[in-house]
Amino acid sequence: MSRNSRRGFLLAALAGTVLNVQAASTQYNLLDVYNMALENDAQLAAAQASMKATQETVNQSRAALLPTLGLSANTQYNKTSSDFTSGLEVDDNYNSHGWGATLTQPLFNMNSRFNYEQAKSVGDQASAVFANAQQQLILRVAESYFNVLRSEDSLMTAKAQERALKQQLDQAR
């Protein structure tokens, strides 16, 4: 995508946002528009999804420091047949069962500890990026809202000037 087409796309998206806010400004106050933006802003949703994914890596790296429990169970059907020289045949059929559990706790694993600390730092960074995205949303909404209000005031002023000029023209005639 060329720079001019990106710029055109951005301007079209911004114009669409301003028109939506313009329509909303006559019906809604700034807080209403902000709440609607919170629900529908793609940039904020992407930042939130990224933060949640990063927070999950913190949980996964912490798991390497926690104990692990392993459970196992088995069952086996045994069928044996024995023929003796005396002509006696003995069939023995039975089930054998077994189960076990293992609990493992790493006492000291420096690599896991470093990975956990690194994941916490990355998680803190992701939280800061999300907070920044929230602040950017507030700024974008406020700028758009006040630009629409300014445009409405300019339109009302221009209409008042047009009426005044028309009145002067009528008086001059």
N, C-alpha and C. Protein backbone atom coordinates (compact mmCIF):
# COMPACT_ATOMS: atom_id res chain seq x y z
N MET A 1 0.85 -1.16 0.00
CA MET A 1 0.00 0.00 0.00
C MET A 1 0.90 1.23 0.00
N SER A 2 0.65 2.14 -0.93
CA SER A 2 1.51 3.31 -1.03
C SER A 2 1.18 4.30 0.08
N ARG A 3 2.08 5.25 0.24
CA ARG A 3 1.91 6.24 1.30
C ARG A 3 0.67 7.10 1.06
N ASN A 4 0.44 7.49 -0.19
CA ASN A 4 -0.73 8.31 -0.50
C ASN A 4 -2.03 7.54 -0.29
N SER A 5 -2.05 6.26 -0.65
CA SER A 5 -3.28 5.49 -0.45
C SER A 5 -3.53 5.26 1.04
N ARG A 6 -2.45 5.08 1.82
CA ARG A 6 -2.63 4.96 3.27
C ARG A 6 -3.15 6.26 3.85
N ARG A 7 -2.61 7.38 3.37
CA ARG A 7 -3.04 8.69 3.86
C ARG A 7 -4.51 8.91 3.50
N GLY A 8 -4.89 8.52 2.26
CA GLY A 8 -6.28 8.67 1.84
C GLY A 8 -7.21 7.80 2.66
N PHE A 9 -6.77 6.57 2.93
CA PHE A 9 -7.56 5.67 3.76
C PHE A 9 -7.73 6.24 5.16
N LEU A 10 -6.64 6.76 5.72
CA LEU A 10 -6.69 7.34 7.06
C LEU A 10 -7.62 8.55 7.09
N LEU A 11 -7.54 9.41 6.08
CA LEU A 11 -8.42 10.57 6.04
C LEU A 11 -9.88 10.16 5.90
N ALA A 12 -10.14 9.13 5.08
CA ALA A 12 -11.51 8.65 4.93
C ALA A 12 -12.04 8.07 6.24
N ALA A 13 -11.20 7.32 6.93
CA ALA A 13 -11.61 6.75 8.21
C ALA A 13 -11.86 7.86 9.23
N LEU A 14 -10.99 8.87 9.24
CA LEU A 14 -11.15 9.98 10.17
C LEU A 14 -12.41 10.77 9.83
N ALA A 15 -12.66 10.98 8.53
CA ALA A 15 -13.87 11.71 8.14
C ALA A 15 -15.11 10.93 8.57
N GLY A 16 -15.08 9.62 8.41
CA GLY A 16 -16.20 8.80 8.85
C GLY A 16 -16.41 8.89 10.34
N THR A 17 -15.32 8.91 11.09
CA THR A 17 -15.41 9.04 12.54
C THR A 17 -15.99 10.39 12.92
N VAL A 18 -15.53 11.45 12.24
CA VAL A 18 -16.02 12.80 12.55
C VAL A 18 -17.50 12.89 12.22
N LEU A 19 -17.92 12.30 11.09
CA LEU A 19 -19.34 12.34 10.74
C LEU A 19 -20.17 11.58 11.76
N ASN A 20 -19.66 10.44 12.21
CA ASN A 20 -20.38 9.69 13.24
C ASN A 20 -20.48 10.48 14.53
N VAL A 21 -19.38 11.12 14.90
CA VAL A 21 -19.39 11.92 16.12
C VAL A 21 -20.28 13.13 15.93
N GLN A 22 -20.29 13.71 14.72
CA GLN A 22 -21.13 14.86 14.47
C GLN A 22 -22.60 14.48 14.65
N ALA A 23 -22.98 13.34 14.13
CA ALA A 23 -24.35 12.90 14.30
C ALA A 23 -24.64 12.62 15.77
N ALA A 24 -23.64 12.11 16.47
CA ALA A 24 -23.83 11.76 17.87
C ALA A 24 -23.82 13.00 18.77
N SER A 25 -23.10 14.05 18.37
CA SER A 25 -22.94 15.19 19.27
C SER A 25 -24.24 15.92 19.51
N THR A 26 -25.18 15.84 18.57
CA THR A 26 -26.44 16.52 18.77
C THR A 26 -27.33 15.75 19.74
N GLN A 27 -27.06 14.46 19.90
CA GLN A 27 -27.88 13.63 20.77
C GLN A 27 -27.18 13.23 22.06
N TYR A 28 -25.86 13.18 22.05
CA TYR A 28 -25.11 12.62 23.17
C TYR A 28 -24.10 13.62 23.69
N ASN A 29 -23.77 13.46 24.97
CA ASN A 29 -22.70 14.29 25.53
C ASN A 29 -21.37 13.55 25.37
N LEU A 30 -20.30 14.19 25.80
CA LEU A 30 -18.96 13.63 25.62
C LEU A 30 -18.82 12.27 26.31
N LEU A 31 -19.38 12.12 27.48
CA LEU A 31 -19.28 10.85 28.20
C LEU A 31 -20.00 9.73 27.45
N ASP A 32 -21.15 10.03 26.88
CA ASP A 32 -21.87 9.02 26.09
C ASP A 32 -21.04 8.57 24.89
N VAL A 33 -20.45 9.54 24.20
CA VAL A 33 -19.63 9.21 23.03
C VAL A 33 -18.42 8.39 23.45
N TYR A 34 -17.80 8.74 24.58
CA TYR A 34 -16.65 7.98 25.07
C TYR A 34 -17.05 6.54 25.42
N ASN A 35 -18.18 6.37 26.06
CA ASN A 35 -18.63 5.02 26.41
C ASN A 35 -18.91 4.18 25.17
N MET A 36 -19.47 4.81 24.13
CA MET A 36 -19.68 4.09 22.88
C MET A 36 -18.34 3.72 22.25
N ALA A 37 -17.37 4.62 22.33
CA ALA A 37 -16.04 4.34 21.77
C ALA A 37 -15.36 3.21 22.55
N LEU A 38 -15.55 3.16 23.86
CA LEU A 38 -14.97 2.07 24.66
C LEU A 38 -15.46 0.71 24.18
N GLU A 39 -16.73 0.64 23.80
CA GLU A 39 -17.31 -0.63 23.37
C GLU A 39 -16.90 -1.01 21.95
N ASN A 40 -16.58 -0.01 21.11
CA ASN A 40 -16.43 -0.28 19.68
C ASN A 40 -15.06 0.03 19.10
N ASP A 41 -14.11 0.52 19.87
CA ASP A 41 -12.82 0.93 19.32
C ASP A 41 -11.94 -0.29 19.06
N ALA A 42 -11.52 -0.44 17.81
CA ALA A 42 -10.71 -1.60 17.43
C ALA A 42 -9.30 -1.52 18.01
N GLN A 43 -8.72 -0.33 18.07
CA GLN A 43 -7.36 -0.19 18.61
C GLN A 43 -7.33 -0.58 20.08
N LEU A 44 -8.32 -0.15 20.83
CA LEU A 44 -8.37 -0.50 22.26
C LEU A 44 -8.61 -2.00 22.44
N ALA A 45 -9.47 -2.57 21.62
CA ALA A 45 -9.72 -4.02 21.72
C ALA A 45 -8.47 -4.82 21.40
N ALA A 46 -7.70 -4.37 20.40
CA ALA A 46 -6.46 -5.06 20.06
C ALA A 46 -5.45 -4.95 21.19
N ALA A 47 -5.34 -3.77 21.80
CA ALA A 47 -4.41 -3.58 22.92
C ALA A 47 -4.83 -4.45 24.11
N GLN A 48 -6.13 -4.54 24.35
CA GLN A 48 -6.61 -5.36 25.46
C GLN A 48 -6.35 -6.84 25.21
N ALA A 49 -6.56 -7.30 23.99
CA ALA A 49 -6.30 -8.70 23.66
C ALA A 49 -4.81 -9.02 23.79
N SER A 50 -3.98 -8.09 23.35
CA SER A 50 -2.53 -8.29 23.48
C SER A 50 -2.13 -8.36 24.95
N MET A 51 -2.70 -7.50 25.78
CA MET A 51 -2.38 -7.50 27.20
C MET A 51 -2.82 -8.82 27.85
N LYS A 52 -4.01 -9.30 27.50
CA LYS A 52 -4.49 -10.55 28.08
C LYS A 52 -3.61 -11.73 27.67
N ALA A 53 -3.18 -11.75 26.41
CA ALA A 53 -2.30 -12.82 25.95
C ALA A 53 -0.97 -12.78 26.69
N THR A 54 -0.44 -11.59 26.90
CA THR A 54 0.82 -11.46 27.62
C THR A 54 0.66 -11.86 29.08
N GLN A 55 -0.46 -11.50 29.69
CA GLN A 55 -0.70 -11.90 31.08
C GLN A 55 -0.77 -13.42 31.20
N GLU A 56 -1.25 -14.07 30.17
CA GLU A 56 -1.31 -15.54 30.20
C GLU A 56 0.09 -16.14 30.18
N THR A 57 1.04 -15.50 29.51
CA THR A 57 2.41 -16.02 29.53
C THR A 57 3.01 -15.89 30.92
N VAL A 58 2.58 -14.89 31.68
CA VAL A 58 3.04 -14.76 33.07
C VAL A 58 2.56 -15.98 33.86
N ASN A 59 1.30 -16.34 33.69
CA ASN A 59 0.76 -17.51 34.39
C ASN A 59 1.48 -18.79 33.98
N GLN A 60 1.77 -18.91 32.69
CA GLN A 60 2.46 -20.11 32.21
C GLN A 60 3.88 -20.19 32.74
N SER A 61 4.57 -19.08 32.82
CA SER A 61 5.95 -19.12 33.33
C SER A 61 5.96 -19.37 34.85
N ARG A 62 4.93 -18.92 35.55
CA ARG A 62 4.83 -19.19 36.99
C ARG A 62 4.58 -20.68 37.23
N ALA A 63 3.91 -21.34 36.29
CA ALA A 63 3.62 -22.76 36.45
C ALA A 63 4.88 -23.59 36.55
N ALA A 64 5.97 -23.14 35.93
CA ALA A 64 7.23 -23.88 36.00
C ALA A 64 7.81 -23.87 37.41
N LEU A 65 7.36 -22.94 38.26
CA LEU A 65 7.86 -22.85 39.63
C LEU A 65 6.98 -23.63 40.62
N LEU A 66 5.83 -24.07 40.19
CA LEU A 66 4.87 -24.73 41.08
C LEU A 66 5.04 -26.25 41.02
N PRO A 67 4.55 -26.94 42.03
CA PRO A 67 4.65 -28.40 42.02
C PRO A 67 3.77 -29.01 40.92
N THR A 68 4.18 -30.18 40.47
CA THR A 68 3.39 -30.90 39.48
C THR A 68 2.95 -32.22 40.08
N LEU A 69 1.77 -32.62 39.75
CA LEU A 69 1.20 -33.86 40.25
C LEU A 69 0.90 -34.75 39.05
N GLY A 70 1.42 -35.97 39.09
CA GLY A 70 1.16 -36.93 38.02
C GLY A 70 0.38 -38.10 38.58
N LEU A 71 -0.66 -38.49 37.90
CA LEU A 71 -1.48 -39.62 38.31
C LEU A 71 -1.46 -40.65 37.19
N SER A 72 -1.45 -41.91 37.58
CA SER A 72 -1.50 -42.97 36.57
C SER A 72 -2.33 -44.13 37.13
N ALA A 73 -2.95 -44.83 36.21
CA ALA A 73 -3.73 -46.01 36.60
C ALA A 73 -3.70 -46.99 35.43
N ASN A 74 -3.81 -48.27 35.78
CA ASN A 74 -3.86 -49.28 34.72
C ASN A 74 -4.66 -50.46 35.20
N THR A 75 -5.13 -51.20 34.23
CA THR A 75 -5.81 -52.46 34.52
C THR A 75 -5.41 -53.45 33.43
N GLN A 76 -5.36 -54.70 33.81
CA GLN A 76 -4.91 -55.70 32.86
C GLN A 76 -5.70 -56.99 33.11
N TYR A 77 -6.14 -57.57 32.04
CA TYR A 77 -6.84 -58.85 32.11
C TYR A 77 -5.82 -59.95 31.84
N ASN A 78 -5.72 -60.90 32.74
CA ASN A 78 -4.75 -61.99 32.63
C ASN A 78 -5.49 -63.31 32.39
N LYS A 79 -5.00 -64.04 31.40
CA LYS A 79 -5.58 -65.35 31.11
C LYS A 79 -4.43 -66.33 30.92
N THR A 80 -4.38 -67.34 31.77
CA THR A 80 -3.32 -68.33 31.67
C THR A 80 -3.94 -69.73 31.60
N SER A 81 -3.26 -70.57 30.89
CA SER A 81 -3.67 -71.97 30.76
C SER A 81 -2.45 -72.83 31.04
N SER A 82 -2.60 -73.80 31.89
CA SER A 82 -1.50 -74.69 32.22
C SER A 82 -1.92 -76.14 31.99
N ASP A 83 -1.07 -76.86 31.31
CA ASP A 83 -1.29 -78.29 31.10
C ASP A 83 -0.22 -79.05 31.89
N PHE A 84 -0.67 -79.92 32.71
CA PHE A 84 0.26 -80.72 33.49
C PHE A 84 0.39 -82.11 32.86
N THR A 85 1.48 -82.79 33.17
CA THR A 85 1.72 -84.13 32.62
C THR A 85 0.69 -85.14 33.11
N SER A 86 0.05 -84.85 34.17
CA SER A 86 -0.97 -85.76 34.70
C SER A 86 -2.27 -85.62 33.93
N GLY A 87 -2.31 -84.68 32.96
CA GLY A 87 -3.52 -84.49 32.18
C GLY A 87 -4.44 -83.43 32.76
N LEU A 88 -4.04 -82.83 33.80
CA LEU A 88 -4.86 -81.79 34.43
C LEU A 88 -4.61 -80.46 33.73
N GLU A 89 -5.69 -79.81 33.34
CA GLU A 89 -5.59 -78.47 32.75
C GLU A 89 -6.14 -77.46 33.74
N VAL A 90 -5.38 -76.38 33.93
CA VAL A 90 -5.82 -75.33 34.86
C VAL A 90 -5.88 -74.02 34.08
N ASP A 91 -7.05 -73.43 34.07
CA ASP A 91 -7.23 -72.10 33.48
C ASP A 91 -7.35 -71.10 34.61
N ASP A 92 -6.58 -70.05 34.49
CA ASP A 92 -6.62 -69.01 35.54
C ASP A 92 -6.86 -67.68 34.85
N ASN A 93 -7.99 -67.07 35.10
CA ASN A 93 -8.36 -65.78 34.53
C ASN A 93 -8.59 -64.78 35.67
N TYR A 94 -7.93 -63.66 35.57
CA TYR A 94 -8.10 -62.65 36.61
C TYR A 94 -7.70 -61.27 36.08
N ASN A 95 -8.13 -60.22 36.78
CA ASN A 95 -7.75 -58.82 36.48
C ASN A 95 -6.73 -58.37 37.49
N SER A 96 -5.77 -57.62 37.02
CA SER A 96 -4.85 -56.96 37.95
C SER A 96 -4.95 -55.45 37.71
N HIS A 97 -4.89 -54.69 38.77
CA HIS A 97 -5.05 -53.24 38.72
C HIS A 97 -3.85 -52.58 39.38
N GLY A 98 -3.53 -51.40 38.92
CA GLY A 98 -2.46 -50.64 39.55
C GLY A 98 -2.73 -49.15 39.43
N TRP A 99 -2.23 -48.39 40.34
CA TRP A 99 -2.35 -46.93 40.30
C TRP A 99 -1.17 -46.33 41.01
N GLY A 100 -0.92 -45.09 40.66
CA GLY A 100 0.21 -44.40 41.27
C GLY A 100 0.05 -42.89 41.17
N ALA A 101 0.78 -42.20 41.99
CA ALA A 101 0.77 -40.74 41.98
C ALA A 101 2.18 -40.27 42.27
N THR A 102 2.59 -39.20 41.57
CA THR A 102 3.89 -38.59 41.84
C THR A 102 3.70 -37.10 42.01
N LEU A 103 4.36 -36.56 42.97
CA LEU A 103 4.34 -35.12 43.22
C LEU A 103 5.78 -34.64 43.12
N THR A 104 6.00 -33.65 42.25
CA THR A 104 7.35 -33.14 42.03
C THR A 104 7.35 -31.64 42.29
N GLN A 105 8.27 -31.20 43.11
CA GLN A 105 8.44 -29.77 43.39
C GLN A 105 9.89 -29.40 43.11
N PRO A 106 10.10 -28.53 42.11
CA PRO A 106 11.49 -28.11 41.88
C PRO A 106 11.95 -27.23 43.06
N LEU A 107 13.08 -27.56 43.61
CA LEU A 107 13.60 -26.78 44.73
C LEU A 107 14.26 -25.49 44.26
N PHE A 108 15.05 -25.60 43.21
CA PHE A 108 15.74 -24.41 42.72
C PHE A 108 15.97 -24.57 41.22
N ASN A 109 15.34 -23.69 40.44
CA ASN A 109 15.53 -23.69 39.00
C ASN A 109 15.69 -22.24 38.57
N MET A 110 16.92 -21.82 38.45
CA MET A 110 17.20 -20.41 38.15
C MET A 110 16.64 -20.00 36.81
N ASN A 111 16.69 -20.88 35.81
CA ASN A 111 16.16 -20.55 34.49
C ASN A 111 14.67 -20.25 34.57
N SER A 112 13.91 -21.08 35.30
CA SER A 112 12.48 -20.85 35.46
C SER A 112 12.21 -19.56 36.21
N ARG A 113 13.03 -19.28 37.21
CA ARG A 113 12.87 -18.04 37.98
C ARG A 113 13.11 -16.82 37.07
N PHE A 114 14.16 -16.85 36.26
CA PHE A 114 14.44 -15.75 35.34
C PHE A 114 13.33 -15.59 34.31
N ASN A 115 12.84 -16.71 33.79
CA ASN A 115 11.74 -16.65 32.82
C ASN A 115 10.49 -16.02 33.44
N TYR A 116 10.21 -16.36 34.69
CA TYR A 116 9.06 -15.80 35.37
C TYR A 116 9.22 -14.29 35.58
N GLU A 117 10.40 -13.88 36.03
CA GLU A 117 10.65 -12.44 36.24
C GLU A 117 10.56 -11.68 34.92
N GLN A 118 11.08 -12.27 33.85
CA GLN A 118 11.00 -11.62 32.54
C GLN A 118 9.55 -11.52 32.09
N ALA A 119 8.78 -12.57 32.29
CA ALA A 119 7.37 -12.55 31.89
C ALA A 119 6.60 -11.49 32.69
N LYS A 120 6.92 -11.35 33.98
CA LYS A 120 6.26 -10.30 34.77
C LYS A 120 6.58 -8.93 34.21
N SER A 121 7.84 -8.70 33.82
CA SER A 121 8.22 -7.41 33.25
C SER A 121 7.49 -7.15 31.93
N VAL A 122 7.41 -8.17 31.11
CA VAL A 122 6.70 -8.03 29.83
C VAL A 122 5.21 -7.80 30.10
N GLY A 123 4.67 -8.46 31.11
CA GLY A 123 3.27 -8.24 31.49
C GLY A 123 3.02 -6.82 31.96
N ASP A 124 3.95 -6.28 32.74
CA ASP A 124 3.84 -4.88 33.18
C ASP A 124 3.90 -3.94 31.98
N GLN A 125 4.77 -4.25 31.03
CA GLN A 125 4.88 -3.44 29.82
C GLN A 125 3.57 -3.49 29.03
N ALA A 126 2.98 -4.66 28.91
CA ALA A 126 1.72 -4.80 28.18
C ALA A 126 0.60 -4.02 28.87
N SER A 127 0.61 -4.01 30.20
CA SER A 127 -0.37 -3.22 30.93
C SER A 127 -0.19 -1.73 30.67
N ALA A 128 1.06 -1.30 30.60
CA ALA A 128 1.35 0.11 30.31
C ALA A 128 0.91 0.47 28.88
N VAL A 129 1.13 -0.44 27.94
CA VAL A 129 0.70 -0.19 26.55
C VAL A 129 -0.82 -0.10 26.49
N PHE A 130 -1.52 -0.94 27.24
CA PHE A 130 -2.98 -0.89 27.28
C PHE A 130 -3.46 0.41 27.91
N ALA A 131 -2.82 0.84 28.98
CA ALA A 131 -3.19 2.11 29.62
C ALA A 131 -2.96 3.27 28.64
N ASN A 132 -1.88 3.20 27.87
CA ASN A 132 -1.62 4.22 26.86
C ASN A 132 -2.71 4.21 25.79
N ALA A 133 -3.15 3.02 25.38
CA ALA A 133 -4.22 2.92 24.38
C ALA A 133 -5.51 3.53 24.92
N GLN A 134 -5.78 3.33 26.21
CA GLN A 134 -6.95 3.95 26.81
C GLN A 134 -6.84 5.47 26.79
N GLN A 135 -5.67 5.99 27.13
CA GLN A 135 -5.46 7.43 27.11
C GLN A 135 -5.59 7.99 25.69
N GLN A 136 -5.06 7.25 24.71
CA GLN A 136 -5.16 7.68 23.32
C GLN A 136 -6.62 7.71 22.86
N LEU A 137 -7.41 6.75 23.32
CA LEU A 137 -8.83 6.74 22.99
C LEU A 137 -9.51 7.97 23.57
N ILE A 138 -9.21 8.28 24.81
CA ILE A 138 -9.80 9.47 25.43
C ILE A 138 -9.45 10.71 24.61
N LEU A 139 -8.20 10.82 24.22
CA LEU A 139 -7.74 11.97 23.44
C LEU A 139 -8.44 12.02 22.08
N ARG A 140 -8.50 10.88 21.38
CA ARG A 140 -9.14 10.87 20.05
C ARG A 140 -10.62 11.24 20.14
N VAL A 141 -11.31 10.70 21.15
CA VAL A 141 -12.74 10.98 21.30
C VAL A 141 -12.95 12.45 21.63
N ALA A 142 -12.17 12.97 22.56
CA ALA A 142 -12.33 14.37 22.94
C ALA A 142 -12.03 15.30 21.77
N GLU A 143 -10.94 15.03 21.04
CA GLU A 143 -10.61 15.88 19.89
C GLU A 143 -11.72 15.83 18.85
N SER A 144 -12.20 14.65 18.53
CA SER A 144 -13.27 14.53 17.53
C SER A 144 -14.54 15.22 18.01
N TYR A 145 -14.90 15.01 19.26
CA TYR A 145 -16.12 15.61 19.80
C TYR A 145 -16.04 17.13 19.76
N PHE A 146 -14.91 17.68 20.21
CA PHE A 146 -14.80 19.14 20.24
C PHE A 146 -14.63 19.72 18.84
N ASN A 147 -14.03 18.96 17.92
CA ASN A 147 -13.98 19.42 16.53
C ASN A 147 -15.37 19.50 15.93
N VAL A 148 -16.22 18.55 16.26
CA VAL A 148 -17.60 18.58 15.77
C VAL A 148 -18.33 19.77 16.37
N LEU A 149 -18.17 19.98 17.67
CA LEU A 149 -18.82 21.14 18.30
C LEU A 149 -18.34 22.44 17.67
N ARG A 150 -17.03 22.53 17.42
CA ARG A 150 -16.46 23.73 16.79
C ARG A 150 -17.04 23.91 15.39
N SER A 151 -17.18 22.81 14.65
CA SER A 151 -17.75 22.88 13.31
C SER A 151 -19.21 23.31 13.35
N GLU A 152 -19.96 22.79 14.32
CA GLU A 152 -21.36 23.20 14.46
C GLU A 152 -21.45 24.69 14.78
N ASP A 153 -20.58 25.18 15.67
CA ASP A 153 -20.57 26.61 15.99
C ASP A 153 -20.20 27.43 14.77
N SER A 154 -19.22 26.97 14.00
CA SER A 154 -18.83 27.68 12.78
C SER A 154 -19.97 27.70 11.78
N LEU A 155 -20.69 26.60 11.67
CA LEU A 155 -21.83 26.54 10.76
C LEU A 155 -22.92 27.50 11.21
N MET A 156 -23.21 27.54 12.50
CA MET A 156 -24.23 28.46 13.01
C MET A 156 -23.80 29.91 12.79
N THR A 157 -22.52 30.19 12.98
CA THR A 157 -22.01 31.54 12.75
C THR A 157 -22.11 31.92 11.28
N ALA A 158 -21.76 30.99 10.41
CA ALA A 158 -21.84 31.26 8.97
C ALA A 158 -23.29 31.49 8.55
N LYS A 159 -24.22 30.71 9.10
CA LYS A 159 -25.64 30.90 8.77
C LYS A 159 -26.13 32.25 9.30
N ALA A 160 -25.68 32.64 10.50
CA ALA A 160 -26.08 33.94 11.05
C ALA A 160 -25.53 35.07 10.20
N GLN A 161 -24.28 34.92 9.75
CA GLN A 161 -23.69 35.94 8.88
C GLN A 161 -24.43 36.00 7.55
N GLU A 162 -24.83 34.85 7.02
CA GLU A 162 -25.58 34.82 5.76
C GLU A 162 -26.92 35.53 5.93
N ARG A 163 -27.60 35.27 7.07
CA ARG A 163 -28.88 35.93 7.33
C ARG A 163 -28.68 37.44 7.47
N ALA A 164 -27.61 37.83 8.14
CA ALA A 164 -27.34 39.26 8.32
C ALA A 164 -27.04 39.92 6.98
N LEU A 165 -26.24 39.25 6.14
CA LEU A 165 -25.94 39.82 4.82
C LEU A 165 -27.19 39.88 3.95
N LYS A 166 -28.05 38.87 4.06
CA LYS A 166 -29.29 38.87 3.29
C LYS A 166 -30.18 40.01 3.75
N GLN A 167 -30.22 40.21 5.08
CA GLN A 167 -31.02 41.30 5.62
C GLN A 167 -30.48 42.65 5.14
N GLN A 168 -29.14 42.80 5.13
CA GLN A 168 -28.55 44.04 4.64
C GLN A 168 -28.86 44.24 3.15
N LEU A 169 -28.84 43.14 2.40
CA LEU A 169 -29.15 43.22 0.98
C LEU A 169 -30.60 43.63 0.77
N ASP A 170 -31.48 43.04 1.58
CA ASP A 170 -32.90 43.41 1.49
C ASP A 170 -33.12 44.86 1.84
N GLN A 171 -32.40 45.34 2.86
CA GLN A 171 -32.53 46.76 3.25
C GLN A 171 -31.95 47.65 2.17
N ALA A 172 -30.88 47.24 1.54
CA ALA A 172 -30.27 48.06 0.48
C ALA A 172 -31.19 48.11 -0.74
N ARG A 173 -31.94 47.09 -1.01
CA ARG A 173 -32.85 47.07 -2.15
C ARG A 173 -34.03 47.93 -1.82
